[in-house]
Every structure is written in structure tokens, then in C-alpha cells.
Amino acid sequence: MEYAAFHTLVYLPRVHRTYQRREGLFIAMDFIQGTLLDTLWPRLDDTEKRDIVIQIWDSVRQLHACRPPASLKDIAVASISGAPIRDGALGVGDGWLENTGPFRPEDFLELLSEKSAADGFDRNPAHTGFVHADLTPRNIIRTDDGRLCIVDWEFAAWWPLYWECITWHFSDFPPMPDFVNLMDELSGQTRVATGEGS
């Protein structure tokens, strides 16, 4: 989150403090007053939905324009610091997400060949950038003044840019196909012709 706040104009909660406890890492941050997009979405007309997804894509483009430091030049997937990552689309172990990586491009493609969540998605171009990796309406708050605040940055890391598309499909629960379809349309991303639906 702090990386995104420092390097982009994306609206997100300001972090005040982080602290470690036996139960894990805790983050004290701003409370964002507004309505979660998954609650608001069914009440919006098509024009409002499109306008919101356009705003989301403005934020996504800012994130994706960020590039890893030279020290990670041969890495396709890593945390901001170059450490292991975790993501639900990569699977779970012992009832929760496992840390894995970092990965070179060829190693990540090999891993994806074993994961059904990535089936049917175009994996080119394979540029690495800063990816939120959980863009779903339940992680976006619209404030009373119409701004969109992106929350839940747990999976944000250096990823191939196509990972954003894979994860907005993977994270589509409860299903909101018109959101996913608009994200696809406005991103220019498509599924590989496999006969599968989005």
C-alpha cells in the first residue's frame, strides 16, 4: 500500500502504523466512508457502471506503469521487496495461502501450466509491473463524492501485467459477470479462444 501511495495517485487508505503480533501483521489505516462497489453495483445503470470501470482502469494503469527495481530485473513475480508472494489463484496449503516465489518468467509460466485458474488466458505480453491482484467490487469503495478507493492490498506485488486479468476473473464471487465483462472490454484483455466463457 505504501508503495502505491508513494508512486501513484491511486486513492487508497493511508497507513498510519504497522505492527507485528503473535497472530500476524496488523495495519492501522484510515477508515474510508462510503459504499462497497459490490453493494452499489446492482443499483447502477450501464453508463454509471462503465464510468466506474473507467475510473478503476485509470488507477490500474498508474499501478501497472510502475516497474520493479533493477535488482529484480530477471524476476517476473515477487513482493515489492523481492520476497515470496501469495495469491489465492495459486492455491492454498494447510487451509490458508502459502508463500511462494519469487519467480523468473519461465518458472512462473511453468507453475501456471499446473494451475487451472490461469487456463484460457493470454499470457502475453509478459511485462512485469505493480499489480493489485484482487480487483473485485468487494475491494473497491465509492465515497459520497464519487471517488473510488481501492482496499485489500494483500496480494499486491510485482506480477506480469496479465495477472490482473486472471485474478479479476478468479475473484469474481459472488459472480458479477457484467463487472468482469466491462473490465475485460476496457482493458483490451481477452481469453484465449478455447470455447470457454469469461
N, C-alpha and C. Protein backbone atom coordinates (compact mmCIF):
# COMPACT_ATOMS: atom_id res chain seq x y z
N MET A 1 0.82 -1.19 0.00
CA MET A 1 0.00 0.00 0.00
C MET A 1 0.87 1.25 0.00
N GLU A 2 1.90 1.22 0.85
CA GLU A 2 2.76 2.40 0.94
C GLU A 2 3.46 2.67 -0.39
N TYR A 3 3.84 1.61 -1.10
CA TYR A 3 4.47 1.78 -2.40
C TYR A 3 3.50 2.49 -3.35
N ALA A 4 2.27 2.01 -3.42
CA ALA A 4 1.27 2.62 -4.30
C ALA A 4 1.01 4.07 -3.92
N ALA A 5 0.93 4.35 -2.63
CA ALA A 5 0.68 5.72 -2.17
C ALA A 5 1.82 6.65 -2.57
N PHE A 6 3.04 6.16 -2.54
CA PHE A 6 4.21 6.99 -2.84
C PHE A 6 4.43 7.18 -4.34
N HIS A 7 4.10 6.16 -5.15
CA HIS A 7 4.44 6.18 -6.57
C HIS A 7 3.27 6.45 -7.52
N THR A 8 2.05 6.55 -7.00
CA THR A 8 0.89 6.78 -7.87
C THR A 8 -0.06 7.77 -7.19
N LEU A 9 -1.10 8.12 -7.92
CA LEU A 9 -2.18 8.96 -7.37
C LEU A 9 -3.42 8.12 -7.07
N VAL A 10 -3.27 6.81 -7.02
CA VAL A 10 -4.38 5.91 -6.72
C VAL A 10 -4.89 6.21 -5.32
N TYR A 11 -6.22 6.30 -5.19
CA TYR A 11 -6.84 6.58 -3.89
C TYR A 11 -6.90 5.28 -3.09
N LEU A 12 -6.25 5.28 -1.94
CA LEU A 12 -6.24 4.13 -1.05
C LEU A 12 -6.13 4.63 0.37
N PRO A 13 -6.46 3.79 1.35
CA PRO A 13 -6.36 4.24 2.74
C PRO A 13 -4.91 4.56 3.10
N ARG A 14 -4.73 5.61 3.87
CA ARG A 14 -3.38 5.97 4.34
C ARG A 14 -3.01 5.08 5.51
N VAL A 15 -1.82 4.51 5.44
CA VAL A 15 -1.32 3.66 6.52
C VAL A 15 -0.72 4.55 7.60
N HIS A 16 -1.15 4.34 8.84
CA HIS A 16 -0.61 5.11 9.96
C HIS A 16 0.47 4.33 10.70
N ARG A 17 0.31 3.00 10.72
CA ARG A 17 1.24 2.21 11.51
C ARG A 17 1.06 0.74 11.17
N THR A 18 2.15 0.00 11.22
CA THR A 18 2.07 -1.46 11.13
C THR A 18 2.74 -2.03 12.38
N TYR A 19 2.23 -3.14 12.83
CA TYR A 19 2.85 -3.78 13.99
C TYR A 19 2.64 -5.29 13.93
N GLN A 20 3.61 -6.00 14.46
CA GLN A 20 3.61 -7.45 14.45
C GLN A 20 3.14 -7.97 15.81
N ARG A 21 2.26 -8.93 15.77
CA ARG A 21 1.80 -9.64 16.96
C ARG A 21 1.95 -11.13 16.68
N ARG A 22 1.77 -11.93 17.68
CA ARG A 22 1.88 -13.38 17.51
C ARG A 22 0.90 -13.86 16.43
N GLU A 23 -0.27 -13.23 16.32
CA GLU A 23 -1.29 -13.63 15.36
C GLU A 23 -0.97 -13.18 13.94
N GLY A 24 0.02 -12.31 13.76
CA GLY A 24 0.37 -11.84 12.43
C GLY A 24 0.61 -10.35 12.38
N LEU A 25 0.69 -9.83 11.17
CA LEU A 25 0.93 -8.41 10.94
C LEU A 25 -0.40 -7.66 10.97
N PHE A 26 -0.41 -6.52 11.65
CA PHE A 26 -1.60 -5.67 11.72
C PHE A 26 -1.27 -4.31 11.13
N ILE A 27 -2.26 -3.71 10.48
CA ILE A 27 -2.08 -2.41 9.85
C ILE A 27 -3.15 -1.47 10.38
N ALA A 28 -2.72 -0.33 10.91
CA ALA A 28 -3.66 0.72 11.31
C ALA A 28 -3.72 1.72 10.16
N MET A 29 -4.91 1.92 9.62
CA MET A 29 -5.07 2.79 8.45
C MET A 29 -6.35 3.59 8.54
N ASP A 30 -6.50 4.53 7.60
CA ASP A 30 -7.70 5.34 7.54
C ASP A 30 -8.94 4.47 7.36
N PHE A 31 -10.04 4.90 7.98
CA PHE A 31 -11.34 4.32 7.69
C PHE A 31 -11.90 5.10 6.51
N ILE A 32 -12.35 4.41 5.48
CA ILE A 32 -12.90 5.06 4.30
C ILE A 32 -14.42 4.97 4.35
N GLN A 33 -15.06 6.13 4.46
CA GLN A 33 -16.52 6.20 4.49
C GLN A 33 -17.05 6.10 3.07
N GLY A 34 -17.95 5.17 2.83
CA GLY A 34 -18.53 5.02 1.51
C GLY A 34 -19.27 3.71 1.40
N THR A 35 -19.51 3.28 0.17
CA THR A 35 -20.27 2.06 -0.10
C THR A 35 -19.41 1.12 -0.92
N LEU A 36 -19.33 -0.14 -0.48
CA LEU A 36 -18.60 -1.13 -1.27
C LEU A 36 -19.27 -1.28 -2.63
N LEU A 37 -18.45 -1.39 -3.65
CA LEU A 37 -18.96 -1.46 -5.01
C LEU A 37 -19.84 -2.69 -5.23
N ASP A 38 -19.57 -3.79 -4.54
CA ASP A 38 -20.42 -4.97 -4.74
C ASP A 38 -21.85 -4.73 -4.24
N THR A 39 -22.02 -3.84 -3.26
CA THR A 39 -23.35 -3.48 -2.77
C THR A 39 -24.02 -2.49 -3.71
N LEU A 40 -23.24 -1.56 -4.23
CA LEU A 40 -23.74 -0.49 -5.08
C LEU A 40 -24.04 -0.96 -6.50
N TRP A 41 -23.25 -1.87 -7.01
CA TRP A 41 -23.28 -2.26 -8.43
C TRP A 41 -24.68 -2.61 -8.96
N PRO A 42 -25.48 -3.41 -8.27
CA PRO A 42 -26.79 -3.78 -8.82
C PRO A 42 -27.73 -2.59 -9.02
N ARG A 43 -27.49 -1.48 -8.33
CA ARG A 43 -28.36 -0.31 -8.42
C ARG A 43 -27.90 0.68 -9.49
N LEU A 44 -26.78 0.41 -10.14
CA LEU A 44 -26.23 1.33 -11.13
C LEU A 44 -26.76 1.02 -12.52
N ASP A 45 -26.90 2.07 -13.34
CA ASP A 45 -27.26 1.83 -14.74
C ASP A 45 -25.98 1.55 -15.54
N ASP A 46 -26.13 1.18 -16.80
CA ASP A 46 -24.98 0.77 -17.62
C ASP A 46 -23.95 1.89 -17.77
N THR A 47 -24.41 3.12 -17.91
CA THR A 47 -23.48 4.25 -18.05
C THR A 47 -22.68 4.46 -16.78
N GLU A 48 -23.34 4.38 -15.63
CA GLU A 48 -22.63 4.53 -14.35
C GLU A 48 -21.61 3.41 -14.15
N LYS A 49 -21.99 2.19 -14.52
CA LYS A 49 -21.06 1.07 -14.39
C LYS A 49 -19.82 1.28 -15.26
N ARG A 50 -20.05 1.70 -16.49
CA ARG A 50 -18.92 1.95 -17.40
C ARG A 50 -18.03 3.06 -16.85
N ASP A 51 -18.62 4.13 -16.35
CA ASP A 51 -17.83 5.24 -15.79
C ASP A 51 -16.98 4.77 -14.61
N ILE A 52 -17.54 3.91 -13.78
CA ILE A 52 -16.78 3.39 -12.63
C ILE A 52 -15.62 2.53 -13.11
N VAL A 53 -15.85 1.66 -14.07
CA VAL A 53 -14.76 0.81 -14.55
C VAL A 53 -13.70 1.65 -15.25
N ILE A 54 -14.07 2.72 -15.92
CA ILE A 54 -13.08 3.64 -16.50
C ILE A 54 -12.22 4.24 -15.39
N GLN A 55 -12.84 4.62 -14.27
CA GLN A 55 -12.07 5.15 -13.13
C GLN A 55 -11.14 4.08 -12.56
N ILE A 56 -11.63 2.86 -12.46
CA ILE A 56 -10.78 1.77 -11.96
C ILE A 56 -9.57 1.62 -12.88
N TRP A 57 -9.81 1.66 -14.19
CA TRP A 57 -8.70 1.48 -15.13
C TRP A 57 -7.71 2.63 -15.09
N ASP A 58 -8.14 3.83 -14.73
CA ASP A 58 -7.18 4.92 -14.53
C ASP A 58 -6.21 4.54 -13.41
N SER A 59 -6.73 3.98 -12.33
CA SER A 59 -5.88 3.55 -11.22
C SER A 59 -4.99 2.38 -11.62
N VAL A 60 -5.56 1.41 -12.31
CA VAL A 60 -4.79 0.23 -12.72
C VAL A 60 -3.63 0.63 -13.62
N ARG A 61 -3.86 1.53 -14.55
CA ARG A 61 -2.77 1.96 -15.45
C ARG A 61 -1.64 2.63 -14.68
N GLN A 62 -1.99 3.40 -13.66
CA GLN A 62 -0.94 4.00 -12.83
C GLN A 62 -0.11 2.93 -12.13
N LEU A 63 -0.79 1.93 -11.57
CA LEU A 63 -0.08 0.84 -10.90
C LEU A 63 0.80 0.08 -11.88
N HIS A 64 0.24 -0.27 -13.02
CA HIS A 64 0.97 -1.08 -14.00
C HIS A 64 2.15 -0.33 -14.61
N ALA A 65 2.12 0.99 -14.57
CA ALA A 65 3.25 1.77 -15.10
C ALA A 65 4.48 1.69 -14.20
N CYS A 66 4.30 1.29 -12.96
CA CYS A 66 5.43 1.13 -12.03
C CYS A 66 6.20 -0.13 -12.43
N ARG A 67 7.50 -0.02 -12.41
CA ARG A 67 8.36 -1.14 -12.79
C ARG A 67 9.25 -1.56 -11.62
N PRO A 68 9.60 -2.84 -11.56
CA PRO A 68 10.46 -3.30 -10.47
C PRO A 68 11.84 -2.64 -10.54
N PRO A 69 12.52 -2.59 -9.41
CA PRO A 69 13.87 -2.01 -9.41
C PRO A 69 14.84 -2.90 -10.19
N ALA A 70 15.98 -2.33 -10.55
CA ALA A 70 16.99 -3.06 -11.32
C ALA A 70 17.42 -4.35 -10.63
N SER A 71 17.38 -4.37 -9.31
CA SER A 71 17.79 -5.57 -8.57
C SER A 71 16.86 -6.76 -8.84
N LEU A 72 15.68 -6.50 -9.39
CA LEU A 72 14.72 -7.57 -9.70
C LEU A 72 14.53 -7.73 -11.21
N LYS A 73 15.50 -7.28 -12.00
CA LYS A 73 15.33 -7.24 -13.46
C LYS A 73 15.05 -8.60 -14.09
N ASP A 74 15.51 -9.68 -13.49
CA ASP A 74 15.29 -11.01 -14.05
C ASP A 74 14.12 -11.75 -13.40
N ILE A 75 13.35 -11.05 -12.58
CA ILE A 75 12.25 -11.65 -11.83
C ILE A 75 10.92 -11.19 -12.42
N ALA A 76 9.98 -12.13 -12.59
CA ALA A 76 8.64 -11.81 -13.10
C ALA A 76 7.64 -11.64 -11.98
N VAL A 77 7.86 -12.35 -10.85
CA VAL A 77 6.90 -12.33 -9.75
C VAL A 77 7.66 -12.28 -8.43
N ALA A 78 7.33 -11.26 -7.62
CA ALA A 78 7.94 -11.12 -6.29
C ALA A 78 7.17 -10.06 -5.53
N SER A 79 7.34 -10.06 -4.21
CA SER A 79 6.77 -8.97 -3.41
C SER A 79 7.52 -7.69 -3.76
N ILE A 80 7.04 -6.58 -3.26
CA ILE A 80 7.69 -5.29 -3.53
C ILE A 80 9.17 -5.33 -3.15
N SER A 81 9.51 -6.05 -2.09
CA SER A 81 10.90 -6.11 -1.63
C SER A 81 11.69 -7.23 -2.31
N GLY A 82 11.04 -8.02 -3.17
CA GLY A 82 11.71 -9.13 -3.83
C GLY A 82 11.54 -10.45 -3.11
N ALA A 83 10.73 -10.48 -2.08
CA ALA A 83 10.49 -11.68 -1.28
C ALA A 83 9.37 -12.53 -1.90
N PRO A 84 9.06 -13.69 -1.30
CA PRO A 84 7.96 -14.52 -1.79
C PRO A 84 6.62 -13.78 -1.77
N ILE A 85 5.70 -14.29 -2.57
CA ILE A 85 4.35 -13.72 -2.69
C ILE A 85 3.34 -14.79 -2.29
N ARG A 86 2.07 -14.38 -2.23
CA ARG A 86 0.98 -15.33 -2.06
C ARG A 86 -0.23 -14.80 -2.78
N ASP A 87 -1.05 -15.71 -3.28
CA ASP A 87 -2.24 -15.34 -4.02
C ASP A 87 -3.17 -16.55 -4.07
N GLY A 88 -4.44 -16.32 -3.84
CA GLY A 88 -5.41 -17.40 -3.84
C GLY A 88 -5.49 -18.14 -5.16
N ALA A 89 -5.23 -17.46 -6.27
CA ALA A 89 -5.29 -18.13 -7.57
C ALA A 89 -4.17 -19.15 -7.74
N LEU A 90 -3.14 -19.05 -6.90
CA LEU A 90 -2.03 -20.01 -6.96
C LEU A 90 -2.27 -21.21 -6.06
N GLY A 91 -3.32 -21.18 -5.27
CA GLY A 91 -3.65 -22.32 -4.43
C GLY A 91 -3.43 -22.06 -2.96
N VAL A 92 -3.87 -23.01 -2.17
CA VAL A 92 -3.76 -22.91 -0.72
C VAL A 92 -3.10 -24.16 -0.17
N GLY A 93 -2.56 -24.02 1.02
CA GLY A 93 -1.97 -25.16 1.70
C GLY A 93 -2.30 -25.08 3.17
N ASP A 94 -2.56 -26.20 3.79
CA ASP A 94 -2.89 -26.24 5.22
C ASP A 94 -4.00 -25.27 5.58
N GLY A 95 -4.97 -25.12 4.69
CA GLY A 95 -6.12 -24.28 4.99
C GLY A 95 -5.92 -22.80 4.73
N TRP A 96 -4.72 -22.39 4.32
CA TRP A 96 -4.52 -20.98 4.04
C TRP A 96 -3.49 -20.83 2.94
N LEU A 97 -3.27 -19.61 2.53
CA LEU A 97 -2.37 -19.34 1.42
C LEU A 97 -0.92 -19.59 1.81
N GLU A 98 -0.19 -20.16 0.89
CA GLU A 98 1.23 -20.40 1.10
C GLU A 98 2.05 -19.31 0.43
N ASN A 99 3.18 -18.96 1.02
CA ASN A 99 4.13 -18.08 0.36
C ASN A 99 4.88 -18.89 -0.68
N THR A 100 5.15 -18.27 -1.82
CA THR A 100 5.87 -18.95 -2.89
C THR A 100 6.64 -17.92 -3.70
N GLY A 101 7.63 -18.38 -4.42
CA GLY A 101 8.42 -17.48 -5.25
C GLY A 101 9.59 -16.90 -4.48
N PRO A 102 10.20 -15.87 -5.01
CA PRO A 102 9.95 -15.20 -6.28
C PRO A 102 10.24 -16.10 -7.48
N PHE A 103 9.74 -15.66 -8.65
CA PHE A 103 9.84 -16.47 -9.86
C PHE A 103 10.48 -15.70 -11.00
N ARG A 104 11.32 -16.40 -11.75
CA ARG A 104 11.77 -15.92 -13.06
C ARG A 104 10.61 -16.16 -14.02
N PRO A 105 10.56 -15.46 -15.16
CA PRO A 105 9.42 -15.61 -16.08
C PRO A 105 9.14 -17.06 -16.47
N GLU A 106 10.16 -17.80 -16.85
CA GLU A 106 9.94 -19.18 -17.31
C GLU A 106 9.44 -20.08 -16.17
N ASP A 107 9.91 -19.83 -14.96
CA ASP A 107 9.46 -20.63 -13.81
C ASP A 107 8.00 -20.34 -13.46
N PHE A 108 7.60 -19.06 -13.60
CA PHE A 108 6.21 -18.72 -13.31
C PHE A 108 5.29 -19.33 -14.36
N LEU A 109 5.69 -19.29 -15.63
CA LEU A 109 4.88 -19.91 -16.68
C LEU A 109 4.74 -21.41 -16.44
N GLU A 110 5.80 -22.05 -15.98
CA GLU A 110 5.72 -23.48 -15.67
C GLU A 110 4.73 -23.72 -14.52
N LEU A 111 4.80 -22.89 -13.49
CA LEU A 111 3.85 -23.01 -12.38
C LEU A 111 2.42 -22.83 -12.87
N LEU A 112 2.19 -21.82 -13.73
CA LEU A 112 0.84 -21.56 -14.23
C LEU A 112 0.30 -22.73 -15.05
N SER A 113 1.18 -23.45 -15.71
CA SER A 113 0.72 -24.59 -16.51
C SER A 113 0.07 -25.66 -15.64
N GLU A 114 0.32 -25.60 -14.32
CA GLU A 114 -0.26 -26.55 -13.38
C GLU A 114 -1.48 -26.00 -12.65
N LYS A 115 -1.86 -24.74 -12.91
CA LYS A 115 -2.94 -24.08 -12.16
C LYS A 115 -4.12 -23.81 -13.08
N SER A 116 -5.27 -24.34 -12.73
CA SER A 116 -6.45 -24.17 -13.58
C SER A 116 -6.95 -22.73 -13.61
N ALA A 117 -6.66 -21.93 -12.59
CA ALA A 117 -7.13 -20.54 -12.56
C ALA A 117 -6.61 -19.74 -13.74
N ALA A 118 -5.48 -20.15 -14.31
CA ALA A 118 -4.88 -19.42 -15.42
C ALA A 118 -5.24 -19.99 -16.78
N ASP A 119 -5.99 -21.09 -16.82
CA ASP A 119 -6.35 -21.71 -18.09
C ASP A 119 -7.17 -20.76 -18.95
N GLY A 120 -6.82 -20.72 -20.23
CA GLY A 120 -7.61 -19.94 -21.18
C GLY A 120 -7.29 -18.47 -21.24
N PHE A 121 -6.28 -18.01 -20.50
CA PHE A 121 -5.94 -16.59 -20.52
C PHE A 121 -4.67 -16.36 -21.32
N ASP A 122 -4.68 -15.30 -22.10
CA ASP A 122 -3.50 -14.88 -22.83
C ASP A 122 -2.45 -14.43 -21.83
N ARG A 123 -1.24 -14.91 -21.98
CA ARG A 123 -0.17 -14.55 -21.04
C ARG A 123 0.87 -13.66 -21.70
N ASN A 124 0.48 -12.97 -22.74
CA ASN A 124 1.39 -12.05 -23.43
C ASN A 124 0.73 -10.70 -23.53
N PRO A 125 1.42 -9.60 -23.49
CA PRO A 125 2.85 -9.54 -23.24
C PRO A 125 3.13 -9.78 -21.77
N ALA A 126 4.30 -10.25 -21.49
CA ALA A 126 4.65 -10.64 -20.13
C ALA A 126 5.47 -9.57 -19.42
N HIS A 127 5.09 -8.32 -19.57
CA HIS A 127 5.77 -7.25 -18.85
C HIS A 127 5.41 -7.33 -17.37
N THR A 128 6.39 -7.06 -16.52
CA THR A 128 6.15 -7.07 -15.08
C THR A 128 5.91 -5.64 -14.60
N GLY A 129 4.92 -5.48 -13.74
CA GLY A 129 4.61 -4.18 -13.15
C GLY A 129 3.95 -4.40 -11.79
N PHE A 130 3.55 -3.30 -11.19
CA PHE A 130 2.88 -3.39 -9.89
C PHE A 130 1.42 -3.73 -10.13
N VAL A 131 0.96 -4.85 -9.59
CA VAL A 131 -0.39 -5.37 -9.83
C VAL A 131 -1.10 -5.52 -8.49
N HIS A 132 -2.34 -5.01 -8.40
CA HIS A 132 -3.13 -5.15 -7.18
C HIS A 132 -3.46 -6.61 -6.90
N ALA A 133 -3.88 -7.33 -7.94
CA ALA A 133 -4.12 -8.77 -7.91
C ALA A 133 -5.36 -9.20 -7.12
N ASP A 134 -6.27 -8.28 -6.83
CA ASP A 134 -7.55 -8.66 -6.21
C ASP A 134 -8.60 -7.59 -6.49
N LEU A 135 -8.62 -7.12 -7.74
CA LEU A 135 -9.58 -6.08 -8.12
C LEU A 135 -10.95 -6.70 -8.31
N THR A 136 -11.75 -6.56 -7.31
CA THR A 136 -13.10 -7.09 -7.31
C THR A 136 -13.99 -6.05 -6.63
N PRO A 137 -15.27 -5.99 -6.95
CA PRO A 137 -16.13 -4.96 -6.36
C PRO A 137 -16.14 -4.94 -4.83
N ARG A 138 -15.88 -6.07 -4.18
CA ARG A 138 -15.87 -6.06 -2.71
C ARG A 138 -14.61 -5.38 -2.15
N ASN A 139 -13.64 -5.05 -3.03
CA ASN A 139 -12.42 -4.38 -2.60
C ASN A 139 -12.31 -2.95 -3.11
N ILE A 140 -13.45 -2.40 -3.51
CA ILE A 140 -13.48 -1.02 -4.01
C ILE A 140 -14.62 -0.30 -3.30
N ILE A 141 -14.31 0.84 -2.72
CA ILE A 141 -15.30 1.66 -2.01
C ILE A 141 -15.54 2.93 -2.80
N ARG A 142 -16.82 3.25 -3.05
CA ARG A 142 -17.14 4.55 -3.66
C ARG A 142 -17.54 5.49 -2.54
N THR A 143 -16.83 6.60 -2.44
CA THR A 143 -17.13 7.59 -1.42
C THR A 143 -18.32 8.42 -1.84
N ASP A 144 -18.85 9.19 -0.91
CA ASP A 144 -20.01 10.03 -1.20
C ASP A 144 -19.74 11.04 -2.30
N ASP A 145 -18.47 11.45 -2.46
CA ASP A 145 -18.14 12.41 -3.51
C ASP A 145 -17.77 11.72 -4.83
N GLY A 146 -17.95 10.39 -4.91
CA GLY A 146 -17.77 9.66 -6.16
C GLY A 146 -16.38 9.10 -6.41
N ARG A 147 -15.45 9.33 -5.50
CA ARG A 147 -14.11 8.77 -5.69
C ARG A 147 -14.13 7.28 -5.39
N LEU A 148 -13.23 6.56 -6.03
CA LEU A 148 -13.10 5.12 -5.79
C LEU A 148 -11.83 4.85 -5.01
N CYS A 149 -11.99 4.19 -3.88
CA CYS A 149 -10.87 3.83 -3.01
C CYS A 149 -10.65 2.32 -3.12
N ILE A 150 -9.44 1.94 -3.49
CA ILE A 150 -9.10 0.52 -3.61
C ILE A 150 -8.52 0.04 -2.28
N VAL A 151 -9.08 -1.06 -1.77
CA VAL A 151 -8.64 -1.62 -0.49
C VAL A 151 -8.17 -3.07 -0.72
N ASP A 152 -7.73 -3.70 0.34
CA ASP A 152 -7.29 -5.10 0.36
C ASP A 152 -6.10 -5.32 -0.58
N TRP A 153 -4.95 -4.85 -0.14
CA TRP A 153 -3.72 -4.89 -0.93
C TRP A 153 -2.85 -6.10 -0.60
N GLU A 154 -3.42 -7.10 0.02
CA GLU A 154 -2.65 -8.26 0.49
C GLU A 154 -1.85 -8.95 -0.62
N PHE A 155 -2.39 -9.03 -1.83
CA PHE A 155 -1.73 -9.76 -2.92
C PHE A 155 -0.95 -8.85 -3.86
N ALA A 156 -0.96 -7.55 -3.61
CA ALA A 156 -0.25 -6.61 -4.48
C ALA A 156 1.24 -6.91 -4.47
N ALA A 157 1.82 -6.93 -5.67
CA ALA A 157 3.23 -7.29 -5.81
C ALA A 157 3.67 -7.02 -7.24
N TRP A 158 4.90 -7.39 -7.54
CA TRP A 158 5.38 -7.38 -8.92
C TRP A 158 4.86 -8.65 -9.58
N TRP A 159 4.05 -8.48 -10.60
CA TRP A 159 3.46 -9.60 -11.34
C TRP A 159 3.53 -9.27 -12.83
N PRO A 160 3.45 -10.29 -13.69
CA PRO A 160 3.19 -10.00 -15.10
C PRO A 160 1.85 -9.27 -15.18
N LEU A 161 1.74 -8.28 -16.04
CA LEU A 161 0.52 -7.46 -16.08
C LEU A 161 -0.73 -8.28 -16.38
N TYR A 162 -0.58 -9.40 -17.10
CA TYR A 162 -1.76 -10.23 -17.38
C TYR A 162 -2.36 -10.84 -16.11
N TRP A 163 -1.59 -10.86 -15.00
CA TRP A 163 -2.10 -11.45 -13.76
C TRP A 163 -3.32 -10.69 -13.24
N GLU A 164 -3.38 -9.38 -13.49
CA GLU A 164 -4.53 -8.59 -13.04
C GLU A 164 -5.82 -9.17 -13.62
N CYS A 165 -5.80 -9.46 -14.92
CA CYS A 165 -6.99 -10.01 -15.59
C CYS A 165 -7.34 -11.39 -15.04
N ILE A 166 -6.35 -12.24 -14.88
CA ILE A 166 -6.61 -13.58 -14.34
C ILE A 166 -7.27 -13.48 -12.98
N THR A 167 -6.78 -12.58 -12.14
CA THR A 167 -7.32 -12.51 -10.78
C THR A 167 -8.68 -11.83 -10.70
N TRP A 168 -9.02 -10.89 -11.60
CA TRP A 168 -10.38 -10.35 -11.51
C TRP A 168 -11.40 -11.38 -11.97
N HIS A 169 -10.99 -12.32 -12.79
CA HIS A 169 -11.88 -13.44 -13.12
C HIS A 169 -11.93 -14.42 -11.95
N PHE A 170 -10.78 -14.76 -11.39
CA PHE A 170 -10.70 -15.73 -10.30
C PHE A 170 -11.46 -15.23 -9.06
N SER A 171 -11.41 -13.93 -8.80
CA SER A 171 -12.00 -13.35 -7.59
C SER A 171 -13.46 -12.96 -7.76
N ASP A 172 -14.08 -13.38 -8.84
CA ASP A 172 -15.46 -12.99 -9.14
C ASP A 172 -16.46 -13.81 -8.32
N PHE A 173 -16.51 -13.53 -7.03
CA PHE A 173 -17.51 -14.16 -6.16
C PHE A 173 -17.99 -13.13 -5.16
N PRO A 174 -19.30 -13.00 -4.96
CA PRO A 174 -20.32 -13.66 -5.78
C PRO A 174 -20.20 -13.17 -7.23
N PRO A 175 -20.61 -14.00 -8.17
CA PRO A 175 -20.43 -13.65 -9.59
C PRO A 175 -21.10 -12.33 -9.97
N MET A 176 -20.33 -11.51 -10.67
CA MET A 176 -20.83 -10.24 -11.21
C MET A 176 -20.33 -10.14 -12.65
N PRO A 177 -20.93 -10.94 -13.55
CA PRO A 177 -20.38 -11.03 -14.90
C PRO A 177 -20.32 -9.71 -15.65
N ASP A 178 -21.25 -8.79 -15.40
CA ASP A 178 -21.16 -7.52 -16.13
C ASP A 178 -19.95 -6.70 -15.68
N PHE A 179 -19.54 -6.81 -14.42
CA PHE A 179 -18.32 -6.15 -13.96
C PHE A 179 -17.10 -6.76 -14.66
N VAL A 180 -17.02 -8.08 -14.65
CA VAL A 180 -15.90 -8.78 -15.28
C VAL A 180 -15.84 -8.46 -16.77
N ASN A 181 -16.99 -8.48 -17.44
CA ASN A 181 -17.02 -8.20 -18.88
C ASN A 181 -16.58 -6.77 -19.19
N LEU A 182 -17.00 -5.81 -18.36
CA LEU A 182 -16.55 -4.43 -18.57
C LEU A 182 -15.05 -4.29 -18.30
N MET A 183 -14.56 -4.96 -17.27
CA MET A 183 -13.11 -4.93 -17.01
C MET A 183 -12.36 -5.49 -18.21
N ASP A 184 -12.83 -6.60 -18.76
CA ASP A 184 -12.20 -7.18 -19.95
C ASP A 184 -12.24 -6.20 -21.13
N GLU A 185 -13.43 -5.67 -21.38
CA GLU A 185 -13.60 -4.78 -22.54
C GLU A 185 -12.69 -3.57 -22.46
N LEU A 186 -12.67 -2.92 -21.30
CA LEU A 186 -11.91 -1.68 -21.18
C LEU A 186 -10.41 -1.91 -21.00
N SER A 187 -10.03 -3.12 -20.67
CA SER A 187 -8.61 -3.44 -20.53
C SER A 187 -8.00 -3.86 -21.86
N GLY A 188 -8.84 -4.34 -22.76
CA GLY A 188 -8.34 -4.90 -24.00
C GLY A 188 -7.91 -6.35 -23.84
N GLN A 189 -8.02 -6.89 -22.62
CA GLN A 189 -7.65 -8.29 -22.36
C GLN A 189 -8.78 -9.20 -22.83
N THR A 190 -8.40 -10.33 -23.36
CA THR A 190 -9.40 -11.33 -23.74
C THR A 190 -8.90 -12.70 -23.34
N ARG A 191 -9.82 -13.61 -23.24
CA ARG A 191 -9.43 -15.00 -23.00
C ARG A 191 -9.01 -15.59 -24.33
N VAL A 192 -8.09 -16.50 -24.28
CA VAL A 192 -7.66 -17.22 -25.47
C VAL A 192 -8.85 -18.01 -25.99
N ALA A 193 -8.98 -18.13 -27.29
CA ALA A 193 -10.12 -18.84 -27.88
C ALA A 193 -10.06 -20.32 -27.51
N THR A 194 -10.79 -20.67 -26.47
CA THR A 194 -10.83 -22.06 -26.01
C THR A 194 -12.26 -22.57 -25.98
N GLY A 195 -13.20 -21.70 -26.31
CA GLY A 195 -14.60 -22.08 -26.22
C GLY A 195 -15.17 -21.84 -24.84
N GLU A 196 -14.33 -21.37 -23.90
CA GLU A 196 -14.80 -21.11 -22.54
C GLU A 196 -15.43 -19.73 -22.47
N GLY A 197 -16.34 -19.54 -21.54
CA GLY A 197 -16.89 -18.22 -21.28
C GLY A 197 -15.99 -17.47 -20.33
N SER A 198 -16.23 -16.19 -20.15
CA SER A 198 -15.42 -15.40 -19.23
C SER A 198 -15.77 -15.70 -17.81
